[in-house]
Structures are given as structure tokens and as C-alpha cells.
Amino acid sequence: MHAFVLAAIIAASGAGGRRLTEAAPAVTFDGGSVSACIGDCVNVTWNGYHNIAFETGSLTHVVHGFEAAGHVETVCDLGVLTGAQRKYFCTLHPDKVFYVTCGDEAPADAEAVSPVAQGPVRAGPGTSAPAVAISVAICVLLLVSAAT
């Protein structure tokens, strides 16, 4: 059982992510676009007082809280599924946007991608595929330990 859980953690943590030696692509709130798949990180530079959000249908999901102009941070939960594109924006300044795509042939229009194809909806900060896999593995190990 422990070998299965360990294999699941290793598989989830390596899926879709860039190698640690690769530089993360850089973006700011200027309408530009970067390529980042699920598990990849993006270096975001704030050019005003902004947060990072995206919409699915009528719901707005805030990915990162407000930061001041000049703040630079590597954010690792902006990646999208292969072939998808997501528009990120500031909820206070909706005209301040950037786009994240994954793959060579992402759709030209961010709004054309259905919410289901845009990837998972985050439950909160730090909820990435590897983090979820590790949390599940820990729960399984605790259950197995409690049962024995």
C-alpha cells in the first residue's frame, strides 16, 4: 500500500511541471501572454495595485491577493490544460489582464474555452495537483495507520 501511495505522489508531482532548471516565463498586467501548463510557475510583475483572478461562467475566482506596483512573485498555480487559454485580470481594474496558454495551438479567444476545459477551480492558495496528491496520500497513510 505504501509503495502505491508513494508512486502516486511521485507521478503527480512530476506531471506537467517545468524542470527546476528552466526559468519561469514572465508576465505583467499589460495584455500579454505566456505559456504555462498545469504545474508550471509564472513570474508575475505587478504594474499597479492588482490581484489575480479569473472567471468561469458567472463566478470569479481570486488566485492571488492584492500586491503593490513593483512587486514580483513566482506564482505556481496559473497554468492551464494543454490547448487551453485563460484570461487573468484584476478585480479592481478589470482592464489590467494577462493570458496564460499551454501548448503551441491555444485558442485565439480566451472566452471561447469552456470552463470545464480551463482546468480545476482552486479551493484556496497552495491547491496545486502535487499538493492535492500529497494531501490525499497523507490521509490514506493516516487511515492505514489507524486501522492497524
C-alpha atoms as a PDB file:
ATOM      1  CA  MET A   1       0.000   0.000   0.000  1.00  0.00           C
ATOM      2  CA  HIS A   2       2.763   2.455   0.912  1.00  0.00           C
ATOM      3  CA  ALA A   3       4.532   1.834  -2.411  1.00  0.00           C
ATOM      4  CA  PHE A   4       1.317   2.637  -4.295  1.00  0.00           C
ATOM      5  CA  VAL A   5       0.848   5.921  -2.424  1.00  0.00           C
ATOM      6  CA  LEU A   6       4.489   6.896  -2.967  1.00  0.00           C
ATOM      7  CA  ALA A   7       4.193   6.149  -6.695  1.00  0.00           C
ATOM      8  CA  ALA A   8       1.057   8.327  -6.876  1.00  0.00           C
ATOM      9  CA  ILE A   9       2.860  11.223  -5.160  1.00  0.00           C
ATOM     10  CA  ILE A  10       5.857  10.978  -7.487  1.00  0.00           C
ATOM     11  CA  ALA A  11       3.646  10.781 -10.587  1.00  0.00           C
ATOM     12  CA  ALA A  12       1.513  13.767  -9.548  1.00  0.00           C
ATOM     13  CA  SER A  13       4.438  15.974  -8.579  1.00  0.00           C
ATOM     14  CA  GLY A  14       6.180  15.443 -11.917  1.00  0.00           C
ATOM     15  CA  ALA A  15       3.159  15.772 -14.190  1.00  0.00           C
ATOM     16  CA  GLY A  16       3.154  18.843 -16.401  1.00  0.00           C
ATOM     17  CA  GLY A  17       5.732  20.839 -14.453  1.00  0.00           C
ATOM     18  CA  ARG A  18       8.813  22.541 -15.859  1.00  0.00           C
ATOM     19  CA  ARG A  19      12.208  21.276 -14.830  1.00  0.00           C
ATOM     20  CA  LEU A  20      13.594  23.197 -11.864  1.00  0.00           C
ATOM     21  CA  THR A  21      16.464  24.462 -14.016  1.00  0.00           C
ATOM     22  CA  GLU A  22      14.099  26.147 -16.518  1.00  0.00           C
ATOM     23  CA  ALA A  23      13.253  29.793 -15.929  1.00  0.00           C
ATOM     24  CA  ALA A  24       9.580  30.550 -15.352  1.00  0.00           C
ATOM     25  CA  PRO A  25       8.014  32.776 -18.031  1.00  0.00           C
ATOM     26  CA  ALA A  26       7.426  36.396 -17.020  1.00  0.00           C
ATOM     27  CA  VAL A  27       4.182  38.353 -17.325  1.00  0.00           C
ATOM     28  CA  THR A  28       2.660  41.624 -16.156  1.00  0.00           C
ATOM     29  CA  PHE A  29      -0.855  43.082 -16.333  1.00  0.00           C
ATOM     30  CA  ASP A  30      -0.405  44.518 -19.849  1.00  0.00           C
ATOM     31  CA  GLY A  31      -2.480  42.180 -22.027  1.00  0.00           C
ATOM     32  CA  GLY A  32       0.500  39.941 -22.782  1.00  0.00           C
ATOM     33  CA  SER A  33       0.508  36.154 -22.944  1.00  0.00           C
ATOM     34  CA  VAL A  34       2.786  33.417 -21.574  1.00  0.00           C
ATOM     35  CA  SER A  35       2.845  29.658 -21.931  1.00  0.00           C
ATOM     36  CA  ALA A  36       2.384  27.737 -18.677  1.00  0.00           C
ATOM     37  CA  CYS A  37       0.784  24.317 -18.320  1.00  0.00           C
ATOM     38  CA  ILE A  38      -0.686  22.827 -15.132  1.00  0.00           C
ATOM     39  CA  GLY A  39       2.129  22.643 -12.566  1.00  0.00           C
ATOM     40  CA  ASP A  40       4.270  25.356 -14.210  1.00  0.00           C
ATOM     41  CA  CYS A  41       5.212  28.568 -12.444  1.00  0.00           C
ATOM     42  CA  VAL A  42       4.930  32.114 -13.817  1.00  0.00           C
ATOM     43  CA  ASN A  43       6.919  35.169 -12.682  1.00  0.00           C
ATOM     44  CA  VAL A  44       4.335  37.928 -12.254  1.00  0.00           C
ATOM     45  CA  THR A  45       5.348  41.586 -12.032  1.00  0.00           C
ATOM     46  CA  TRP A  46       2.695  43.932 -10.654  1.00  0.00           C
ATOM     47  CA  ASN A  47       2.454  47.246 -12.539  1.00  0.00           C
ATOM     48  CA  GLY A  48      -0.195  48.677 -10.190  1.00  0.00           C
ATOM     49  CA  TYR A  49      -2.247  47.677  -7.168  1.00  0.00           C
ATOM     50  CA  HIS A  50      -3.722  44.419  -8.509  1.00  0.00           C
ATOM     51  CA  ASN A  51      -4.879  40.957  -7.534  1.00  0.00           C
ATOM     52  CA  ILE A  52      -5.056  37.925  -9.856  1.00  0.00           C
ATOM     53  CA  ALA A  53      -8.466  36.476 -10.717  1.00  0.00           C
ATOM     54  CA  PHE A  54     -10.230  34.542 -13.485  1.00  0.00           C
ATOM     55  CA  GLU A  55     -13.853  33.791 -14.322  1.00  0.00           C
ATOM     56  CA  THR A  56     -15.733  30.586 -15.010  1.00  0.00           C
ATOM     57  CA  GLY A  57     -19.239  31.382 -16.135  1.00  0.00           C
ATOM     58  CA  SER A  58     -20.599  33.909 -13.634  1.00  0.00           C
ATOM     59  CA  LEU A  59     -18.094  33.005 -10.877  1.00  0.00           C
ATOM     60  CA  THR A  60     -14.912  34.970 -10.206  1.00  0.00           C
ATOM     61  CA  HIS A  61     -12.046  33.012  -8.649  1.00  0.00           C
ATOM     62  CA  VAL A  62      -9.292  35.018  -6.925  1.00  0.00           C
ATOM     63  CA  VAL A  63      -5.976  33.198  -7.270  1.00  0.00           C
ATOM     64  CA  HIS A  64      -3.711  35.727  -5.531  1.00  0.00           C
ATOM     65  CA  GLY A  65      -4.426  38.693  -3.282  1.00  0.00           C
ATOM     66  CA  PHE A  66      -3.577  42.334  -3.903  1.00  0.00           C
ATOM     67  CA  GLU A  67       0.031  43.464  -4.252  1.00  0.00           C
ATOM     68  CA  ALA A  68       1.522  46.914  -4.887  1.00  0.00           C
ATOM     69  CA  ALA A  69       3.223  48.122  -8.068  1.00  0.00           C
ATOM     70  CA  GLY A  70       6.738  46.759  -8.437  1.00  0.00           C
ATOM     71  CA  HIS A  71       6.027  43.535  -6.543  1.00  0.00           C
ATOM     72  CA  VAL A  72       7.457  40.455  -8.296  1.00  0.00           C
ATOM     73  CA  GLU A  73       6.427  36.945  -7.323  1.00  0.00           C
ATOM     74  CA  THR A  74       6.637  33.468  -8.783  1.00  0.00           C
ATOM     75  CA  VAL A  75       3.084  32.079  -8.825  1.00  0.00           C
ATOM     76  CA  CYS A  76       2.790  28.344  -9.452  1.00  0.00           C
ATOM     77  CA  ASP A  77      -0.947  27.872  -9.904  1.00  0.00           C
ATOM     78  CA  LEU A  78      -1.715  29.856 -13.045  1.00  0.00           C
ATOM     79  CA  GLY A  79      -1.067  27.021 -15.535  1.00  0.00           C
ATOM     80  CA  VAL A  80      -3.827  25.697 -17.803  1.00  0.00           C
ATOM     81  CA  LEU A  81      -4.587  22.455 -19.620  1.00  0.00           C
ATOM     82  CA  THR A  82      -2.890  21.697 -22.928  1.00  0.00           C
ATOM     83  CA  GLY A  83      -4.581  23.603 -25.758  1.00  0.00           C
ATOM     84  CA  ALA A  84      -6.382  25.981 -23.378  1.00  0.00           C
ATOM     85  CA  GLN A  85      -6.068  29.675 -22.664  1.00  0.00           C
ATOM     86  CA  ARG A  86      -7.180  31.537 -19.550  1.00  0.00           C
ATOM     87  CA  LYS A  87      -7.591  35.277 -19.078  1.00  0.00           C
ATOM     88  CA  TYR A  88      -6.394  36.556 -15.700  1.00  0.00           C
ATOM     89  CA  PHE A  89      -7.405  40.034 -14.535  1.00  0.00           C
ATOM     90  CA  CYS A  90      -7.514  42.376 -11.561  1.00  0.00           C
ATOM     91  CA  THR A  91     -10.929  42.602  -9.904  1.00  0.00           C
ATOM     92  CA  LEU A  92     -10.337  46.284  -9.072  1.00  0.00           C
ATOM     93  CA  HIS A  93      -9.017  47.139 -12.562  1.00  0.00           C
ATOM     94  CA  PRO A  94     -10.659  44.645 -14.986  1.00  0.00           C
ATOM     95  CA  ASP A  95      -8.826  46.156 -17.974  1.00  0.00           C
ATOM     96  CA  LYS A  96      -5.490  45.030 -16.467  1.00  0.00           C
ATOM     97  CA  VAL A  97      -5.141  41.492 -17.812  1.00  0.00           C
ATOM     98  CA  PHE A  98      -2.746  38.804 -18.977  1.00  0.00           C
ATOM     99  CA  TYR A  99      -3.286  35.455 -20.672  1.00  0.00           C
ATOM    100  CA  VAL A 100      -1.848  32.019 -19.950  1.00  0.00           C
ATOM    101  CA  THR A 101      -1.830  29.314 -22.616  1.00  0.00           C
ATOM    102  CA  CYS A 102      -0.478  25.785 -22.758  1.00  0.00           C
ATOM    103  CA  GLY A 103       0.797  24.300 -25.979  1.00  0.00           C
ATOM    104  CA  ASP A 104       1.561  25.654 -29.418  1.00  0.00           C
ATOM    105  CA  GLU A 105      -2.007  25.969 -30.641  1.00  0.00           C
ATOM    106  CA  ALA A 106      -4.024  27.643 -27.917  1.00  0.00           C
ATOM    107  CA  PRO A 107      -7.380  29.181 -28.861  1.00  0.00           C
ATOM    108  CA  ALA A 108      -7.226  32.798 -30.036  1.00  0.00           C
ATOM    109  CA  ASP A 109     -10.126  33.837 -27.785  1.00  0.00           C
ATOM    110  CA  ALA A 110      -9.908  33.167 -24.041  1.00  0.00           C
ATOM    111  CA  GLU A 111     -13.686  33.379 -23.735  1.00  0.00           C
ATOM    112  CA  ALA A 112     -14.170  30.599 -26.322  1.00  0.00           C
ATOM    113  CA  VAL A 113     -12.811  27.947 -23.944  1.00  0.00           C
ATOM    114  CA  SER A 114     -15.483  26.302 -21.835  1.00  0.00           C
ATOM    115  CA  PRO A 115     -14.970  26.496 -18.053  1.00  0.00           C
ATOM    116  CA  VAL A 116     -14.538  22.716 -17.854  1.00  0.00           C
ATOM    117  CA  ALA A 117     -11.622  22.857 -20.314  1.00  0.00           C
ATOM    118  CA  GLN A 118      -9.886  25.616 -18.360  1.00  0.00           C
ATOM    119  CA  GLY A 119      -8.668  23.375 -15.557  1.00  0.00           C
ATOM    120  CA  PRO A 120      -9.520  22.949 -11.908  1.00  0.00           C
ATOM    121  CA  VAL A 121     -11.111  25.623  -9.758  1.00  0.00           C
ATOM    122  CA  ARG A 122      -8.818  26.333  -6.843  1.00  0.00           C
ATOM    123  CA  ALA A 123     -10.094  25.830  -3.343  1.00  0.00           C
ATOM    124  CA  GLY A 124      -7.514  28.229  -1.945  1.00  0.00           C
ATOM    125  CA  PRO A 125      -3.830  29.176  -2.003  1.00  0.00           C
ATOM    126  CA  GLY A 126      -1.436  26.270  -2.490  1.00  0.00           C
ATOM    127  CA  THR A 127      -4.009  23.936  -4.029  1.00  0.00           C
ATOM    128  CA  SER A 128      -1.997  22.501  -6.904  1.00  0.00           C
ATOM    129  CA  ALA A 129      -2.061  18.967  -8.290  1.00  0.00           C
ATOM    130  CA  PRO A 130       1.053  17.900  -6.316  1.00  0.00           C
ATOM    131  CA  ALA A 131      -0.295  19.475  -3.111  1.00  0.00           C
ATOM    132  CA  VAL A 132      -3.616  17.667  -3.503  1.00  0.00           C
ATOM    133  CA  ALA A 133      -1.848  14.351  -4.240  1.00  0.00           C
ATOM    134  CA  ILE A 134       0.342  14.728  -1.172  1.00  0.00           C
ATOM    135  CA  SER A 135      -2.681  15.609   0.995  1.00  0.00           C
ATOM    136  CA  VAL A 136      -4.568  12.563  -0.236  1.00  0.00           C
ATOM    137  CA  ALA A 137      -1.527  10.344   0.350  1.00  0.00           C
ATOM    138  CA  ILE A 138      -1.154  11.626   3.906  1.00  0.00           C
ATOM    139  CA  CYS A 139      -4.849  10.953   4.595  1.00  0.00           C
ATOM    140  CA  VAL A 140      -4.510   7.415   3.228  1.00  0.00           C
ATOM    141  CA  LEU A 141      -1.430   6.764   5.355  1.00  0.00           C
ATOM    142  CA  LEU A 142      -3.202   8.074   8.461  1.00  0.00           C
ATOM    143  CA  LEU A 143      -6.195   5.853   7.769  1.00  0.00           C
ATOM    144  CA  VAL A 144      -3.983   2.811   7.224  1.00  0.00           C
ATOM    145  CA  SER A 145      -2.042   3.541  10.419  1.00  0.00           C
ATOM    146  CA  ALA A 146      -5.248   3.989  12.418  1.00  0.00           C
ATOM    147  CA  ALA A 147      -6.681   0.725  11.087  1.00  0.00           C
ATOM    148  CA  THR A 148      -3.650  -1.328  12.188  1.00  0.00           C
END
